[in-house]
C-alpha cells in the first residue's frame, strides 16, 4: 500500500477536513468512527477501538 495522494483541505462548517479514498477505508476496515492521534511528524488515523461484545 504505497499509493500517494495529494489532498486539499475542505471547509466543513467551522472546521476543515480531507477526503479519504473509499477504497483505502474499505481496505483498512474503517467504520464510521476513527481514532486520531497527533505526533511530532504527522497524524495517525486508525479504526476506533470497539468494546468487546459479550
C-alpha atoms as a PDB file:
ATOM      1  CA  UNK A   1       0.000   0.000   0.000  1.00  0.00           C
ATOM      2  CA  UNK A   2       2.305   2.725  -1.249  1.00  0.00           C
ATOM      3  CA  UNK A   3      -0.158   4.915  -3.134  1.00  0.00           C
ATOM      4  CA  UNK A   4       0.428   8.618  -2.654  1.00  0.00           C
ATOM      5  CA  UNK A   5      -2.490  11.022  -2.966  1.00  0.00           C
ATOM      6  CA  UNK A   6      -2.247  14.792  -2.709  1.00  0.00           C
ATOM      7  CA  UNK A   7      -5.303  16.122  -0.877  1.00  0.00           C
ATOM      8  CA  UNK A   8      -6.532  19.617  -0.153  1.00  0.00           C
ATOM      9  CA  UNK A   9      -8.444  20.607   2.929  1.00  0.00           C
ATOM     10  CA  UNK A  10     -12.144  21.369   2.511  1.00  0.00           C
ATOM     11  CA  UNK A  11     -14.308  23.601   4.666  1.00  0.00           C
ATOM     12  CA  UNK A  12     -16.753  21.640   6.849  1.00  0.00           C
ATOM     13  CA  UNK A  13     -18.656  24.152   8.949  1.00  0.00           C
ATOM     14  CA  UNK A  14     -16.159  25.930  11.240  1.00  0.00           C
ATOM     15  CA  UNK A  15     -13.627  23.084  10.761  1.00  0.00           C
ATOM     16  CA  UNK A  16     -11.591  21.699   7.905  1.00  0.00           C
ATOM     17  CA  UNK A  17     -11.322  18.143   6.658  1.00  0.00           C
ATOM     18  CA  UNK A  18      -9.838  15.946   3.977  1.00  0.00           C
ATOM     19  CA  UNK A  19     -11.452  13.299   1.804  1.00  0.00           C
ATOM     20  CA  UNK A  20     -10.023   9.797   2.171  1.00  0.00           C
ATOM     21  CA  UNK A  21     -10.372   7.405  -0.774  1.00  0.00           C
ATOM     22  CA  UNK A  22     -13.173   4.899  -0.120  1.00  0.00           C
ATOM     23  CA  UNK A  23     -11.015   2.042  -1.369  1.00  0.00           C
ATOM     24  CA  UNK A  24      -8.497   2.818   1.411  1.00  0.00           C
ATOM     25  CA  UNK A  25     -11.211   2.923   4.067  1.00  0.00           C
ATOM     26  CA  UNK A  26     -12.598  -0.410   2.838  1.00  0.00           C
ATOM     27  CA  UNK A  27      -9.149  -1.959   2.604  1.00  0.00           C
ATOM     28  CA  UNK A  28      -8.347  -0.942   6.196  1.00  0.00           C
ATOM     29  CA  UNK A  29     -11.803  -1.949   7.527  1.00  0.00           C
ATOM     30  CA  UNK A  30     -12.597   1.546   8.802  1.00  0.00           C
ATOM     31  CA  UNK A  31     -16.096   2.003  10.163  1.00  0.00           C
ATOM     32  CA  UNK A  32     -17.919   5.271  10.810  1.00  0.00           C
ATOM     33  CA  UNK A  33     -15.651   6.191  13.757  1.00  0.00           C
ATOM     34  CA  UNK A  34     -11.880   6.670  13.812  1.00  0.00           C
ATOM     35  CA  UNK A  35      -9.225   7.391  16.419  1.00  0.00           C
ATOM     36  CA  UNK A  36      -6.793  10.184  15.588  1.00  0.00           C
ATOM     37  CA  UNK A  37      -3.502  10.921  17.324  1.00  0.00           C
ATOM     38  CA  UNK A  38      -1.175  13.852  16.675  1.00  0.00           C
ATOM     39  CA  UNK A  39       2.509  13.011  16.623  1.00  0.00           C
ATOM     40  CA  UNK A  40       5.523  15.227  16.001  1.00  0.00           C
ATOM     41  CA  UNK A  41       5.700  14.402  12.301  1.00  0.00           C
ATOM     42  CA  UNK A  42       2.076  13.724  11.385  1.00  0.00           C
ATOM     43  CA  UNK A  43      -1.355  12.423  12.264  1.00  0.00           C
ATOM     44  CA  UNK A  44      -2.134   8.753  12.896  1.00  0.00           C
ATOM     45  CA  UNK A  45      -5.657   7.666  11.916  1.00  0.00           C
ATOM     46  CA  UNK A  46      -6.882   4.184  12.793  1.00  0.00           C
ATOM     47  CA  UNK A  47     -10.199   2.408  13.228  1.00  0.00           C
ATOM     48  CA  UNK A  48     -11.874   3.193  16.536  1.00  0.00           C
ATOM     49  CA  UNK A  49     -11.421   0.528  19.187  1.00  0.00           C
ATOM     50  CA  UNK A  50     -14.704  -1.230  19.702  1.00  0.00           C
ATOM     51  CA  UNK A  51     -15.943  -2.505  23.034  1.00  0.00           C
ATOM     52  CA  UNK A  52     -15.810  -6.264  23.223  1.00  0.00           C
ATOM     53  CA  UNK A  53     -19.238  -7.802  22.693  1.00  0.00           C
ATOM     54  CA  UNK A  54     -20.468 -10.476  25.047  1.00  0.00           C
END
